[in-house]
C-alpha atoms as a PDB file:
ATOM      1  CA  MET A   1      11.451  12.046  14.537  1.00  0.00           C
ATOM      2  CA  LYS A   2       9.446   9.159  15.935  1.00  0.00           C
ATOM      3  CA  SER A   3       7.067  11.623  17.618  1.00  0.00           C
ATOM      4  CA  LEU A   4       6.491  13.261  14.320  1.00  0.00           C
ATOM      5  CA  ILE A   5       5.407  10.056  12.681  1.00  0.00           C
ATOM      6  CA  GLU A   6       3.209   9.130  15.693  1.00  0.00           C
ATOM      7  CA  LYS A   7       1.489  12.564  15.152  1.00  0.00           C
ATOM      8  CA  TYR A   8       1.525  12.554  11.444  1.00  0.00           C
ATOM      9  CA  LYS A   9      -2.113  12.647   9.969  1.00  0.00           C
ATOM     10  CA  VAL A  10      -2.275  11.039   6.210  1.00  0.00           C
ATOM     11  CA  LYS A  11      -4.615  13.118   4.103  1.00  0.00           C
ATOM     12  CA  GLY A  12      -6.513  11.970   1.150  1.00  0.00           C
ATOM     13  CA  LYS A  13      -7.791   8.478   0.429  1.00  0.00           C
ATOM     14  CA  VAL A  14      -5.886   5.320   0.571  1.00  0.00           C
ATOM     15  CA  TYR A  15      -7.501   1.921  -0.641  1.00  0.00           C
ATOM     16  CA  ALA A  16      -6.624  -1.651  -0.517  1.00  0.00           C
ATOM     17  CA  TRP A  17      -8.521  -4.906  -1.383  1.00  0.00           C
ATOM     18  CA  THR A  18      -8.122  -8.476  -2.154  1.00  0.00           C
ATOM     19  CA  TYR A  19      -9.894 -10.666  -4.419  1.00  0.00           C
ATOM     20  CA  LYS A  20     -11.915 -13.640  -3.227  1.00  0.00           C
ATOM     21  CA  ASN A  21     -12.061 -16.973  -4.953  1.00  0.00           C
ATOM     22  CA  ASN A  22      -9.768 -16.037  -7.737  1.00  0.00           C
ATOM     23  CA  PRO A  23      -6.258 -16.783  -6.560  1.00  0.00           C
ATOM     24  CA  ASN A  24      -4.647 -16.870 -10.055  1.00  0.00           C
ATOM     25  CA  ASN A  25      -5.541 -13.253 -10.846  1.00  0.00           C
ATOM     26  CA  TYR A  26      -3.844 -10.874  -8.253  1.00  0.00           C
ATOM     27  CA  PRO A  27      -3.174 -13.257  -5.384  1.00  0.00           C
ATOM     28  CA  GLY A  28      -2.283 -10.623  -3.076  1.00  0.00           C
ATOM     29  CA  TRP A  29      -3.395  -7.104  -2.021  1.00  0.00           C
ATOM     30  CA  ASN A  30      -4.417  -4.086  -4.366  1.00  0.00           C
ATOM     31  CA  PHE A  31      -3.595  -0.671  -3.502  1.00  0.00           C
ATOM     32  CA  THR A  32      -4.307   2.792  -4.848  1.00  0.00           C
ATOM     33  CA  VAL A  33      -4.268   6.395  -3.453  1.00  0.00           C
ATOM     34  CA  ASN A  34      -5.870   9.773  -4.764  1.00  0.00           C
ATOM     35  CA  LYS A  35      -3.520  12.568  -5.359  1.00  0.00           C
ATOM     36  CA  THR A  36      -3.631  13.939  -1.871  1.00  0.00           C
ATOM     37  CA  ALA A  37      -2.918  10.918  -0.322  1.00  0.00           C
ATOM     38  CA  SER A  38      -0.137  10.155  -2.737  1.00  0.00           C
ATOM     39  CA  LYS A  39       1.847  13.320  -1.549  1.00  0.00           C
ATOM     40  CA  SER A  40       0.802  12.642   2.130  1.00  0.00           C
ATOM     41  CA  LEU A  41       2.087   9.025   2.041  1.00  0.00           C
ATOM     42  CA  ILE A  42       5.361  10.062   0.179  1.00  0.00           C
ATOM     43  CA  GLU A  43       5.919  12.746   3.131  1.00  0.00           C
ATOM     44  CA  LEU A  44       5.300   9.959   5.812  1.00  0.00           C
ATOM     45  CA  LEU A  45       7.402   7.504   4.155  1.00  0.00           C
ATOM     46  CA  ASP A  46      10.093  10.137   3.998  1.00  0.00           C
ATOM     47  CA  LEU A  47       9.940  10.642   7.841  1.00  0.00           C
ATOM     48  CA  MET A  48      10.243   7.087   8.416  1.00  0.00           C
ATOM     49  CA  ASN A  49      13.353   6.843   6.101  1.00  0.00           C
ATOM     50  CA  LYS A  50      15.157   9.594   8.032  1.00  0.00           C
ATOM     51  CA  CYS A  51      14.258   8.207  11.478  1.00  0.00           C
ATOM     52  CA  GLU A  52      16.945   6.469  13.156  1.00  0.00           C
ATOM     53  CA  TRP A  53      14.635   3.827  14.777  1.00  0.00           C
ATOM     54  CA  SER A  54      11.992   1.364  13.353  1.00  0.00           C
ATOM     55  CA  THR A  55       8.692   3.176  12.939  1.00  0.00           C
ATOM     56  CA  LYS A  56       5.168   2.291  11.992  1.00  0.00           C
ATOM     57  CA  LYS A  57       1.943   3.928  11.051  1.00  0.00           C
ATOM     58  CA  THR A  58      -1.581   2.873  10.948  1.00  0.00           C
ATOM     59  CA  ILE A  59      -3.837   4.494   8.364  1.00  0.00           C
ATOM     60  CA  LYS A  60      -7.533   4.432   7.786  1.00  0.00           C
ATOM     61  CA  LEU A  61      -8.496   2.851   4.579  1.00  0.00           C
ATOM     62  CA  GLU A  62     -11.367   3.674   2.427  1.00  0.00           C
ATOM     63  CA  VAL A  63     -13.869   1.347   0.571  1.00  0.00           C
ATOM     64  CA  PRO A  64     -12.810   1.128  -2.960  1.00  0.00           C
ATOM     65  CA  THR A  65     -15.613   2.522  -5.382  1.00  0.00           C
ATOM     66  CA  ASP A  66     -16.957   0.277  -8.256  1.00  0.00           C
ATOM     67  CA  LEU A  67     -15.266   2.295 -10.836  1.00  0.00           C
ATOM     68  CA  GLN A  68     -11.923   1.848  -8.867  1.00  0.00           C
ATOM     69  CA  ILE A  69     -12.322  -2.107  -8.759  1.00  0.00           C
ATOM     70  CA  ARG A  70     -12.720  -2.072 -12.360  1.00  0.00           C
ATOM     71  CA  VAL A  71      -9.333  -0.695 -13.124  1.00  0.00           C
ATOM     72  CA  PRO A  72      -7.533  -4.096 -12.510  1.00  0.00           C
ATOM     73  CA  ASN A  73     -10.551  -5.683 -14.691  1.00  0.00           C
ATOM     74  CA  ASN A  74     -10.318  -8.929 -12.946  1.00  0.00           C
ATOM     75  CA  GLN A  75     -13.072 -11.302 -14.330  1.00  0.00           C
ATOM     76  CA  ASN A  76     -14.270  -8.139 -16.236  1.00  0.00           C
ATOM     77  CA  GLY A  77     -14.466  -5.837 -13.358  1.00  0.00           C
ATOM     78  CA  ILE A  78     -17.005  -8.260 -11.486  1.00  0.00           C
ATOM     79  CA  ALA A  79     -14.651 -10.467  -9.397  1.00  0.00           C
ATOM     80  CA  ARG A  80     -15.722 -10.398  -5.677  1.00  0.00           C
ATOM     81  CA  TRP A  81     -13.401  -8.760  -3.429  1.00  0.00           C
ATOM     82  CA  GLU A  82     -12.941  -7.569  -0.029  1.00  0.00           C
ATOM     83  CA  THR A  83     -11.425  -4.668   1.862  1.00  0.00           C
ATOM     84  CA  ILE A  84     -10.195  -4.252   5.492  1.00  0.00           C
ATOM     85  CA  PRO A  85     -10.339  -0.869   7.501  1.00  0.00           C
ATOM     86  CA  LYS A  86      -6.713  -0.273   8.325  1.00  0.00           C
ATOM     87  CA  LEU A  87      -3.174  -0.428   6.810  1.00  0.00           C
ATOM     88  CA  THR A  88      -0.073  -0.450   8.821  1.00  0.00           C
ATOM     89  CA  LEU A  89       3.078   0.618   7.415  1.00  0.00           C
ATOM     90  CA  LYS A  90       6.215  -0.586   9.293  1.00  0.00           C
ATOM     91  CA  HIS A  91       9.725   0.318   8.436  1.00  0.00           C
ATOM     92  CA  ILE A  92      11.965  -2.378  10.189  1.00  0.00           C
ATOM     93  CA  LYS A  93      15.636  -0.861  10.311  1.00  0.00           C
ATOM     94  CA  LYS A  94      17.257  -4.064  11.764  1.00  0.00           C
ATOM     95  CA  GLU A  95      15.789  -6.154   8.913  1.00  0.00           C
ATOM     96  CA  PRO A  96      17.634  -6.697   5.572  1.00  0.00           C
ATOM     97  CA  GLU A  97      17.203  -3.828   3.100  1.00  0.00           C
ATOM     98  CA  ASN A  98      15.165  -5.712   0.808  1.00  0.00           C
ATOM     99  CA  HIS A  99      12.827  -6.867   3.433  1.00  0.00           C
ATOM    100  CA  TRP A 100       9.076  -7.222   2.486  1.00  0.00           C
ATOM    101  CA  LEU A 101       6.486  -8.949   4.408  1.00  0.00           C
ATOM    102  CA  ILE A 102       2.543  -8.593   4.390  1.00  0.00           C
ATOM    103  CA  LYS A 103       0.798  -9.868   7.528  1.00  0.00           C
ATOM    104  CA  ASN A 104      -3.039  -9.836   7.572  1.00  0.00           C
ATOM    105  CA  SER A 105      -5.343  -9.828  10.747  1.00  0.00           C
ATOM    106  CA  ILE A 106      -8.959  -9.435  10.994  1.00  0.00           C
ATOM    107  CA  ASP A 107      -9.246  -5.624  10.781  1.00  0.00           C
ATOM    108  CA  CYS A 108      -5.529  -4.682   9.476  1.00  0.00           C
ATOM    109  CA  ILE A 109      -3.352  -5.424   6.748  1.00  0.00           C
ATOM    110  CA  GLU A 110       0.658  -4.871   8.111  1.00  0.00           C
ATOM    111  CA  VAL A 111       3.096  -4.131   5.304  1.00  0.00           C
ATOM    112  CA  GLN A 112       6.735  -4.502   6.702  1.00  0.00           C
ATOM    113  CA  PHE A 113       9.760  -3.210   4.845  1.00  0.00           C
ATOM    114  CA  GLY A 114      13.460  -2.379   4.947  1.00  0.00           C
ATOM    115  CA  THR A 115      14.886   0.605   3.567  1.00  0.00           C
ATOM    116  CA  ASN A 116      15.369  -0.411  -0.049  1.00  0.00           C
ATOM    117  CA  LYS A 117      11.481  -1.542  -0.158  1.00  0.00           C
ATOM    118  CA  LEU A 118      10.795   1.822   1.655  1.00  0.00           C
ATOM    119  CA  ILE A 119      12.115   3.774  -1.243  1.00  0.00           C
ATOM    120  CA  GLU A 120      10.626   1.575  -3.860  1.00  0.00           C
ATOM    121  CA  LEU A 121       7.219   1.733  -2.121  1.00  0.00           C
ATOM    122  CA  GLN A 122       7.745   5.697  -2.200  1.00  0.00           C
ATOM    123  CA  ASN A 123       8.673   5.954  -5.902  1.00  0.00           C
ATOM    124  CA  THR A 124       5.741   3.617  -6.587  1.00  0.00           C
ATOM    125  CA  ILE A 125       3.034   5.788  -4.789  1.00  0.00           C
ATOM    126  CA  LYS A 126       4.628   8.909  -6.113  1.00  0.00           C
ATOM    127  CA  ILE A 127       3.562   7.968  -9.875  1.00  0.00           C
ATOM    128  CA  ILE A 128       0.041   6.732  -9.253  1.00  0.00           C
ATOM    129  CA  PRO A 129      -1.535  10.224  -9.653  1.00  0.00           C
ATOM    130  CA  GLU A 130       0.230  10.183 -13.092  1.00  0.00           C
ATOM    131  CA  GLY A 131      -2.009   7.259 -14.278  1.00  0.00           C
ATOM    132  CA  LYS A 132       0.574   4.694 -13.715  1.00  0.00           C
ATOM    133  CA  GLY A 133      -0.095   1.338 -12.386  1.00  0.00           C
ATOM    134  CA  ASP A 134      -0.453  -2.537 -13.195  1.00  0.00           C
ATOM    135  CA  PHE A 135       2.748  -3.661 -11.536  1.00  0.00           C
ATOM    136  CA  CYS A 136       3.737  -4.757  -8.000  1.00  0.00           C
ATOM    137  CA  ILE A 137       6.169  -4.885  -5.151  1.00  0.00           C
ATOM    138  CA  SER A 138       6.776  -8.457  -3.635  1.00  0.00           C
ATOM    139  CA  ASN A 139       9.558 -10.182  -1.638  1.00  0.00           C
ATOM    140  CA  LYS A 140      12.249 -12.122  -3.211  1.00  0.00           C
ATOM    141  CA  ASN A 141      10.147 -15.220  -3.719  1.00  0.00           C
ATOM    142  CA  CYS A 142       7.375 -13.226  -5.498  1.00  0.00           C
ATOM    143  CA  GLU A 143       5.303 -13.692  -2.292  1.00  0.00           C
ATOM    144  CA  ASP A 144       3.327 -10.997  -0.287  1.00  0.00           C
ATOM    145  CA  ILE A 145       2.304  -9.057  -3.340  1.00  0.00           C
ATOM    146  CA  LEU A 146       0.950  -5.670  -3.320  1.00  0.00           C
ATOM    147  CA  TYR A 147      -0.509  -4.533  -6.647  1.00  0.00           C
ATOM    148  CA  PHE A 148      -0.559  -0.912  -7.456  1.00  0.00           C
ATOM    149  CA  TRP A 149      -3.149   0.789  -9.589  1.00  0.00           C
ATOM    150  CA  TRP A 150      -3.849   4.091 -11.128  1.00  0.00           C
ATOM    151  CA  ASN A 151      -6.651   5.991  -9.665  1.00  0.00           C
ATOM    152  CA  LEU A 152      -9.736   7.241 -11.416  1.00  0.00           C
ATOM    153  CA  GLU A 153     -10.650  10.042  -8.898  1.00  0.00           C
ATOM    154  CA  GLU A 154     -10.156  13.733  -9.848  1.00  0.00           C
END
């Protein structure tokens, strides 16, 4: 199963960005996917959940469009933001089921999660193509926040 995850190619467009100089509004990472990526990530997370070992997968991120950045309407859609080229999803079997941690590096965001958070992430990604968003996943202290937004792509 682990080799399937290593070989798995995520299809579609995955976006993540964070806002600069505005820590009160959306003080974490923002995330959306197009319909193809939603389906692909759900399949990947299903493989990760079924694997008996901890697993991780690094995914290429797209630069969000101006239209997508306006969805959260942070400072009327003109808030300064930045993105990063890669996202690593890391399911850690030995951590508590509600484990959730986001680590930032120069070129990658790593989102670590236990099994319950994997299921929450999967369910959240599943409803983005239905036009749902404006909610988040975080740890029990409301830190390491990942906000989810609907996607305006066809």
